[in-house]
Amino acid sequence: MLLLPFLAFLAFKQSYATLSNITIDDTNSTFWTFVGSYNAVTPSTPCSGCVAQPDPGLAYNSTWHDGALRSGSFVFQGTAVYIFGIDVLNPANVSFAMSNPTVNSFHYYSGSTYGYNALFFSATNLDSSVQHTVTWLMEQSSVGGESALFDYAIVTLDLADTSSSATGGASSTGSASVPSVSASPSPSAVPSKKSKTGAIVGAVVGVVVGLALLGMLIGLYLRRRRSIGATMGDIDPDHDFDGRPTLSSPDMASHGTSGVAQYTVEPYQPLGFPPPQPVVHSETSDTATMSASMSAVSMAAAPSESTSLKRPPAPAVLGWEPNDPSSQRARNLEVEERLRHLEELVAASQPPSYS
C-alpha cells in the first residue's frame, strides 16, 4: 500500500515538468550557420533576381534564406527539434544528418505550388543535457532542381532541466549554453507549450485517485478483519457446539457436580472359572456316565418354559492313554454307547407324519 503514494508522487513530478517550444528565425546567427552564398531575404532586403518568389506574408517574420547547392547547420539544446522551410517549384534534394544521436533523413518536394511551413527535418525524444547539431547538404534533383528555402526552426525545451531568461543573453544548462529567444506562436503541427494549470490539475487528480485506491484497500482490510473477528466470537470456549457447558467451564464450576452421575472405574479382571478336573473312566462307570450325558442332552433338546439357564458344565477331560489297549477298548465302548443313545434320541424326536 505504500507504493500508491510513491506512484502518485512520481505522477506529480512528471506532470509538473513543463515543456515549452521556442521558435528561432532564420536570421538568428547564434543557432543558424549558412555555408556559401545564400540570399537572406527580408522585408528590407528583397531578392528580385531570385527564381523563387514566395509570398512574404506567409513566411515566418517575412524572412527566409534562399540557397542553391549549398550546405549549413543548426545548433540547439532541447528534447526535440523541427526545421521548417518553404517548398518551391523544382527544388533540390536536401539531405539532413544529426549527431547525439545520429539521425539521417532527406527532403524533396514535387508539388506544383509553393508550400509554406513545410517540415524539412525533425527529431524527438532527445537528451536535453547535451548539445545537438543538424547539418544539411543540397544536391541536384533528377529534374535539375538546385535550391531550397529555410524559414525557421522550433526547439522543445524541458524547463525542469533547462532554465532560460526571456530577456537575458545566454543561460547555462550543463556543458552547453542555450541562447534565450522570445517564445513566439508555433504551427499547429508542433506540440504547443503545456500549461502549468493542466499539469497541476493532472497531479491533483493522480493524488486523489491514489488516495481513493489506498482508502479502498484499507476499508477492505478492516472489513475482512471484522468479519474474521465476528466468526471467531461465535465460538464459546466454555461450551460445546450443542450449547452444553464443558467440564472446565465456569458454569460447571458454579453448579458443582451434583447433577453429574458419579462412576467408579475399576480395572478389568477376567471371569474366574474353576479349572477342569480330569475324569477317570472305567467300564462300569462309562455306561452310567453316558446315560447321564444322554439324559442331559435329552433335556436340552426339549427345554420347558420353566427351565432356567444355567452355566454349562465344565468340559470333561478323558483320561485315555493312546498307547494303552485297555484305554482304546474303553473308548470304543463309549463311542458305541453314545451312538446307540443318539439313535434312540433321533428316533424319539422325529416329527409326526402328515397325511
Protein backbone atom coordinates (compact mmCIF):
# COMPACT_ATOMS: atom_id res chain seq x y z
CA MET A 1 0.00 0.00 0.00
CA LEU A 2 2.98 2.31 0.43
CA LEU A 3 3.54 2.03 -3.34
CA LEU A 4 0.48 4.15 -4.20
CA PRO A 5 1.72 7.41 -2.61
CA PHE A 6 5.09 6.86 -4.28
CA LEU A 7 3.44 6.42 -7.70
CA ALA A 8 1.29 9.48 -7.08
CA PHE A 9 4.44 11.46 -6.25
CA LEU A 10 6.09 10.30 -9.48
CA ALA A 11 2.99 11.25 -11.47
CA PHE A 12 3.02 14.68 -9.86
CA LYS A 13 6.71 15.14 -10.58
CA GLN A 14 6.42 14.08 -14.22
CA SER A 15 3.32 16.15 -14.89
CA TYR A 16 4.92 19.23 -13.34
CA ALA A 17 7.84 19.08 -15.81
CA THR A 18 6.77 21.78 -18.29
CA LEU A 19 7.76 21.57 -21.95
CA SER A 20 7.97 24.78 -23.93
CA ASN A 21 8.56 25.44 -27.62
CA ILE A 22 10.73 28.30 -28.81
CA THR A 23 10.71 29.49 -32.41
CA ILE A 24 14.06 30.54 -33.87
CA ASP A 25 14.01 32.65 -37.03
CA ASP A 26 16.49 32.05 -39.82
CA THR A 27 18.04 35.45 -39.10
CA ASN A 28 19.38 34.30 -35.69
CA SER A 29 23.01 33.53 -36.42
CA THR A 30 23.57 32.08 -32.95
CA PHE A 31 21.73 28.92 -33.99
CA TRP A 32 21.91 29.04 -37.81
CA THR A 33 25.04 28.74 -39.91
CA PHE A 34 24.63 29.10 -43.70
CA VAL A 35 27.75 27.99 -45.57
CA GLY A 36 28.31 29.55 -49.00
CA SER A 37 26.33 32.13 -50.86
CA TYR A 38 22.75 32.44 -49.59
CA ASN A 39 20.24 35.15 -50.30
CA ALA A 40 18.97 36.39 -46.94
CA VAL A 41 15.54 37.68 -47.92
CA THR A 42 13.90 40.19 -45.54
CA PRO A 43 11.30 42.92 -45.99
CA SER A 44 14.14 45.43 -46.19
CA THR A 45 16.37 43.27 -48.44
CA PRO A 46 14.16 41.55 -51.01
CA CYS A 47 15.64 39.38 -53.77
CA SER A 48 14.11 40.41 -57.06
CA GLY A 49 16.58 38.31 -59.06
CA CYS A 50 15.82 35.02 -57.25
CA VAL A 51 13.94 32.32 -59.13
CA ALA A 52 11.71 31.54 -56.14
CA GLN A 53 9.30 34.35 -55.30
CA PRO A 54 7.03 33.11 -52.46
CA ASP A 55 4.56 35.32 -50.60
CA PRO A 56 6.48 37.14 -47.83
CA GLY A 57 3.32 37.49 -45.78
CA LEU A 58 3.09 33.69 -45.42
CA ALA A 59 6.70 33.27 -44.29
CA TYR A 60 7.65 33.48 -40.62
CA ASN A 61 8.65 37.09 -39.90
CA SER A 62 8.61 37.54 -43.71
CA THR A 63 12.20 36.25 -43.91
CA TRP A 64 13.98 33.22 -45.35
CA HIS A 65 17.35 32.08 -46.69
CA ASP A 66 17.50 31.06 -50.35
CA GLY A 67 20.45 28.91 -51.42
CA ALA A 68 21.38 26.71 -54.37
CA LEU A 69 23.51 23.58 -53.89
CA ARG A 70 24.70 24.90 -50.54
CA SER A 71 25.09 23.48 -47.02
CA GLY A 72 24.60 24.66 -43.47
CA SER A 73 23.96 23.67 -39.86
CA PHE A 74 21.67 24.33 -36.91
CA VAL A 75 22.89 24.00 -33.29
CA PHE A 76 20.49 23.63 -30.36
CA GLN A 77 19.92 22.01 -26.99
CA GLY A 78 16.50 20.54 -26.14
CA THR A 79 14.29 17.48 -26.25
CA ALA A 80 13.07 17.95 -29.84
CA VAL A 81 13.79 19.99 -32.97
CA TYR A 82 11.73 20.87 -36.05
CA ILE A 83 13.25 22.71 -39.07
CA PHE A 84 10.79 24.38 -41.43
CA GLY A 85 11.21 25.90 -44.88
CA ILE A 86 9.29 26.90 -47.98
CA ASP A 87 8.78 24.31 -50.67
CA VAL A 88 9.45 25.73 -54.11
CA LEU A 89 8.89 24.51 -57.62
CA ASN A 90 11.64 22.18 -58.82
CA PRO A 91 13.66 22.11 -55.56
CA ALA A 92 16.89 20.35 -54.71
CA ASN A 93 17.27 17.13 -52.77
CA VAL A 94 18.21 18.14 -49.22
CA SER A 95 19.98 15.54 -47.04
CA PHE A 96 19.96 16.02 -43.24
CA ALA A 97 22.16 14.48 -40.53
CA MET A 98 22.21 14.96 -36.74
CA SER A 99 24.64 13.98 -34.00
CA ASN A 100 23.87 12.87 -30.43
CA PRO A 101 22.13 10.66 -31.51
CA THR A 102 22.76 10.02 -35.18
CA VAL A 103 19.70 10.74 -37.33
CA ASN A 104 19.71 10.85 -41.15
CA SER A 105 16.89 11.91 -43.47
CA PHE A 106 16.21 13.83 -46.67
CA HIS A 107 13.55 16.17 -48.02
CA TYR A 108 12.22 16.61 -51.53
CA TYR A 109 9.08 18.34 -52.81
CA SER A 110 7.34 17.52 -56.08
CA GLY A 111 4.32 19.81 -55.83
CA SER A 112 3.24 22.43 -58.30
CA THR A 113 2.68 25.29 -55.83
CA TYR A 114 4.60 26.89 -53.00
CA GLY A 115 4.38 25.09 -49.67
CA TYR A 116 4.64 27.17 -46.51
CA ASN A 117 5.59 25.88 -43.06
CA ALA A 118 6.98 22.78 -44.77
CA LEU A 119 8.69 20.41 -42.33
CA PHE A 120 12.19 19.73 -43.64
CA PHE A 121 13.60 17.79 -40.64
CA SER A 122 12.51 16.64 -37.15
CA ALA A 123 13.92 14.65 -34.24
CA THR A 124 12.26 13.91 -30.87
CA ASN A 125 12.99 12.22 -27.52
CA LEU A 126 16.41 13.82 -27.32
CA ASP A 127 18.68 14.32 -24.34
CA SER A 128 18.27 17.93 -23.28
CA SER A 129 21.52 17.93 -21.30
CA VAL A 130 23.73 17.74 -24.41
CA GLN A 131 24.16 19.94 -27.47
CA HIS A 132 22.88 18.68 -30.84
CA THR A 133 23.89 19.75 -34.35
CA VAL A 134 21.82 19.29 -37.50
CA THR A 135 23.64 19.65 -40.84
CA TRP A 136 22.26 19.62 -44.37
CA LEU A 137 23.51 19.45 -47.92
CA MET A 138 21.63 20.42 -51.10
CA GLU A 139 22.04 18.13 -54.09
CA GLN A 140 20.69 18.49 -57.59
CA SER A 141 17.49 16.57 -58.16
CA SER A 142 16.82 14.27 -61.08
CA VAL A 143 14.96 17.06 -62.88
CA GLY A 144 17.64 19.68 -62.28
CA GLY A 145 16.36 21.31 -59.08
CA GLU A 146 19.08 23.04 -57.04
CA SER A 147 17.55 25.46 -54.50
CA ALA A 148 15.92 25.28 -51.05
CA LEU A 149 14.45 27.96 -48.78
CA PHE A 150 14.98 27.79 -44.98
CA ASP A 151 12.48 29.75 -42.88
CA TYR A 152 12.60 28.95 -39.11
CA ALA A 153 13.10 26.20 -36.52
CA ILE A 154 11.26 25.15 -33.37
CA VAL A 155 13.09 23.67 -30.36
CA THR A 156 11.28 21.97 -27.47
CA LEU A 157 12.77 22.77 -24.07
CA ASP A 158 12.23 20.94 -20.80
CA LEU A 159 12.03 23.79 -18.31
CA ALA A 160 12.72 21.39 -15.43
CA ASP A 161 16.18 20.77 -16.89
CA THR A 162 16.81 23.98 -18.82
CA SER A 163 16.48 27.43 -17.26
CA SER A 164 16.40 30.34 -19.68
CA SER A 165 15.69 34.01 -19.36
CA ALA A 166 13.31 35.60 -21.82
CA THR A 167 15.27 38.83 -21.79
CA GLY A 168 18.82 37.81 -20.88
CA GLY A 169 21.68 36.85 -23.09
CA ALA A 170 22.57 33.17 -22.69
CA SER A 171 21.77 30.79 -19.85
CA SER A 172 23.92 27.79 -18.99
CA THR A 173 22.48 24.28 -18.85
CA GLY A 174 25.15 21.69 -18.17
CA SER A 175 28.08 21.83 -20.55
CA ALA A 176 26.28 23.72 -23.31
CA SER A 177 24.60 27.08 -23.37
CA VAL A 178 21.24 27.84 -24.99
CA PRO A 179 20.81 31.45 -26.09
CA SER A 180 17.49 32.79 -24.96
CA VAL A 181 14.93 33.75 -27.57
CA SER A 182 11.47 35.07 -27.15
CA ALA A 183 8.76 32.48 -27.44
CA SER A 184 6.51 33.00 -30.42
CA PRO A 185 3.45 31.24 -31.82
CA SER A 186 4.13 27.79 -33.26
CA PRO A 187 2.46 25.96 -36.15
CA SER A 188 -0.33 23.61 -35.17
CA ALA A 189 1.68 20.59 -36.31
CA VAL A 190 4.19 21.09 -33.48
CA PRO A 191 3.24 20.43 -29.82
CA SER A 192 2.45 23.70 -28.06
CA LYS A 193 3.55 24.78 -24.60
CA LYS A 194 1.98 22.74 -21.83
CA SER A 195 0.01 24.68 -19.32
CA LYS A 196 1.09 24.64 -15.71
CA THR A 197 -2.55 24.65 -14.73
CA GLY A 198 -3.13 21.42 -16.62
CA ALA A 199 -0.04 19.89 -15.01
CA ILE A 200 -1.24 20.82 -11.55
CA VAL A 201 -4.73 19.51 -12.26
CA GLY A 202 -3.28 16.25 -13.55
CA ALA A 203 -1.11 15.90 -10.47
CA VAL A 204 -4.05 16.57 -8.16
CA VAL A 205 -6.20 14.03 -9.98
CA GLY A 206 -3.41 11.46 -9.73
CA VAL A 207 -3.02 12.05 -6.00
CA VAL A 208 -6.79 11.86 -5.43
CA VAL A 209 -7.05 8.61 -7.37
CA GLY A 210 -4.11 7.16 -5.43
CA LEU A 211 -5.65 8.15 -2.10
CA ALA A 212 -9.01 6.70 -3.16
CA LEU A 213 -7.39 3.39 -4.02
CA LEU A 214 -5.49 3.44 -0.75
CA GLY A 215 -8.72 4.10 1.17
CA MET A 216 -10.47 1.24 -0.62
CA LEU A 217 -7.67 -1.17 0.26
CA ILE A 218 -7.71 -0.08 3.91
CA GLY A 219 -11.51 -0.43 4.03
CA LEU A 220 -11.38 -3.93 2.57
CA TYR A 221 -8.67 -4.90 5.06
CA LEU A 222 -10.62 -3.62 8.08
CA ARG A 223 -13.81 -5.24 6.84
CA ARG A 224 -12.05 -8.57 6.48
CA ARG A 225 -10.63 -8.27 9.99
CA ARG A 226 -14.07 -7.52 11.44
CA SER A 227 -15.54 -10.49 9.58
CA ILE A 228 -12.88 -12.82 10.95
CA GLY A 229 -13.36 -11.42 14.47
CA ALA A 230 -17.13 -11.95 14.30
CA THR A 231 -16.64 -15.53 13.16
CA MET A 232 -14.22 -16.25 15.99
CA GLY A 233 -16.58 -14.60 18.51
CA ASP A 234 -19.35 -17.13 17.75
CA ILE A 235 -17.24 -19.93 19.25
CA ASP A 236 -17.60 -20.13 23.08
CA PRO A 237 -14.66 -21.98 24.60
CA ASP A 238 -16.72 -22.74 27.76
CA HIS A 239 -19.49 -24.58 25.87
CA ASP A 240 -19.69 -27.46 23.45
CA PHE A 241 -21.05 -26.99 19.97
CA ASP A 242 -24.53 -28.15 21.14
CA GLY A 243 -24.64 -25.48 23.91
CA ARG A 244 -23.83 -27.69 26.87
CA PRO A 245 -21.18 -26.41 29.28
CA THR A 246 -17.89 -28.19 29.28
CA LEU A 247 -16.46 -29.77 32.42
CA SER A 248 -13.92 -26.96 32.74
CA SER A 249 -16.40 -24.11 32.16
CA PRO A 250 -17.35 -21.67 34.96
CA ASP A 251 -20.97 -22.90 34.72
CA MET A 252 -19.95 -26.37 35.76
CA ALA A 253 -17.69 -24.99 38.48
CA SER A 254 -20.56 -22.88 39.92
CA HIS A 255 -23.10 -25.72 39.87
CA GLY A 256 -20.70 -28.25 41.27
CA THR A 257 -21.03 -31.93 40.42
CA SER A 258 -24.47 -32.51 41.99
CA GLY A 259 -26.14 -33.06 38.63
CA VAL A 260 -23.42 -35.34 37.30
CA ALA A 261 -23.58 -39.07 37.97
CA GLN A 262 -20.61 -40.46 39.84
CA TYR A 263 -18.90 -43.52 38.45
CA THR A 264 -16.13 -45.71 39.76
CA VAL A 265 -13.87 -47.19 37.18
CA GLU A 266 -12.17 -50.42 38.16
CA PRO A 267 -9.53 -52.31 36.23
CA TYR A 268 -10.67 -55.17 34.07
CA GLN A 269 -10.49 -58.67 35.59
CA PRO A 270 -11.41 -61.81 33.65
CA LEU A 271 -14.21 -64.02 34.99
CA GLY A 272 -12.88 -66.87 37.04
CA PHE A 273 -13.98 -70.40 36.31
CA PRO A 274 -12.82 -73.43 38.26
CA PRO A 275 -10.23 -75.37 36.37
CA PRO A 276 -11.48 -78.57 34.76
CA GLN A 277 -10.93 -81.75 36.73
CA PRO A 278 -9.81 -84.93 34.96
CA VAL A 279 -12.37 -87.70 34.83
CA VAL A 280 -11.25 -91.28 35.06
CA HIS A 281 -13.49 -93.72 33.21
CA SER A 282 -13.99 -97.38 33.83
CA GLU A 283 -16.05 -99.97 32.04
CA THR A 284 -18.78 -99.92 34.70
CA SER A 285 -18.89 -96.18 35.14
CA ASP A 286 -18.78 -95.35 31.44
CA THR A 287 -22.30 -96.64 30.95
CA ALA A 288 -23.65 -94.57 33.83
CA THR A 289 -21.78 -91.52 32.66
CA MET A 290 -23.04 -91.99 29.13
CA SER A 291 -26.61 -92.37 30.39
CA ALA A 292 -26.31 -89.21 32.43
CA SER A 293 -24.82 -87.36 29.50
CA MET A 294 -27.53 -88.52 27.12
CA SER A 295 -30.20 -87.62 29.67
CA ALA A 296 -28.74 -84.12 29.84
CA VAL A 297 -28.76 -83.95 26.04
CA SER A 298 -32.39 -85.11 26.01
CA MET A 299 -33.36 -82.43 28.50
CA ALA A 300 -31.52 -79.81 26.46
CA ALA A 301 -33.27 -81.00 23.28
CA ALA A 302 -36.72 -80.39 24.75
CA PRO A 303 -36.47 -77.42 27.12
CA SER A 304 -39.54 -76.25 29.00
CA GLU A 305 -40.69 -72.71 29.69
CA SER A 306 -39.78 -73.05 33.33
CA THR A 307 -36.28 -74.20 32.61
CA SER A 308 -33.80 -71.57 33.67
CA LEU A 309 -30.49 -71.04 32.04
CA LYS A 310 -27.58 -72.42 33.96
CA ARG A 311 -23.89 -72.25 33.50
CA PRO A 312 -22.72 -75.12 31.28
CA PRO A 313 -20.74 -77.86 32.98
CA ALA A 314 -17.03 -77.83 32.75
CA PRO A 315 -15.69 -79.90 29.91
CA ALA A 316 -14.68 -83.39 30.87
CA VAL A 317 -11.16 -84.47 30.27
CA LEU A 318 -10.82 -88.04 29.21
CA GLY A 319 -8.16 -89.98 30.92
CA TRP A 320 -7.28 -92.16 27.98
CA GLU A 321 -3.87 -93.22 27.04
CA PRO A 322 -3.41 -93.54 23.29
CA ASN A 323 -1.00 -96.47 23.54
CA ASP A 324 -2.93 -98.39 26.24
CA PRO A 325 -5.04 -101.27 24.73
CA SER A 326 -7.48 -101.16 27.63
CA SER A 327 -7.97 -97.43 27.17
CA GLN A 328 -8.55 -97.97 23.47
CA ARG A 329 -11.21 -100.61 24.18
CA ALA A 330 -12.91 -98.37 26.73
CA ARG A 331 -13.00 -95.56 24.22
CA ASN A 332 -14.57 -97.76 21.58
CA LEU A 333 -17.25 -98.92 24.00
CA GLU A 334 -18.02 -95.37 24.97
CA VAL A 335 -18.35 -94.30 21.36
CA GLU A 336 -20.65 -97.24 20.58
CA GLU A 337 -22.80 -96.46 23.61
CA ARG A 338 -23.08 -92.79 22.61
CA LEU A 339 -24.07 -93.70 19.08
CA ARG A 340 -26.76 -96.04 20.36
CA HIS A 341 -28.23 -93.42 22.65
CA LEU A 342 -28.04 -90.83 19.88
CA GLU A 343 -30.00 -93.11 17.56
CA GLU A 344 -32.65 -93.56 20.23
CA LEU A 345 -32.93 -89.80 20.70
CA VAL A 346 -33.24 -89.21 16.99
CA ALA A 347 -35.93 -91.87 16.68
CA ALA A 348 -37.84 -90.41 19.63
CA SER A 349 -37.67 -86.85 18.35
CA GLN A 350 -38.90 -87.50 14.78
CA PRO A 351 -41.82 -85.20 13.80
CA PRO A 352 -45.27 -86.74 13.29
CA SER A 353 -46.15 -87.74 9.80
CA TYR A 354 -48.51 -85.53 7.84
CA SER A 355 -51.31 -87.23 5.93
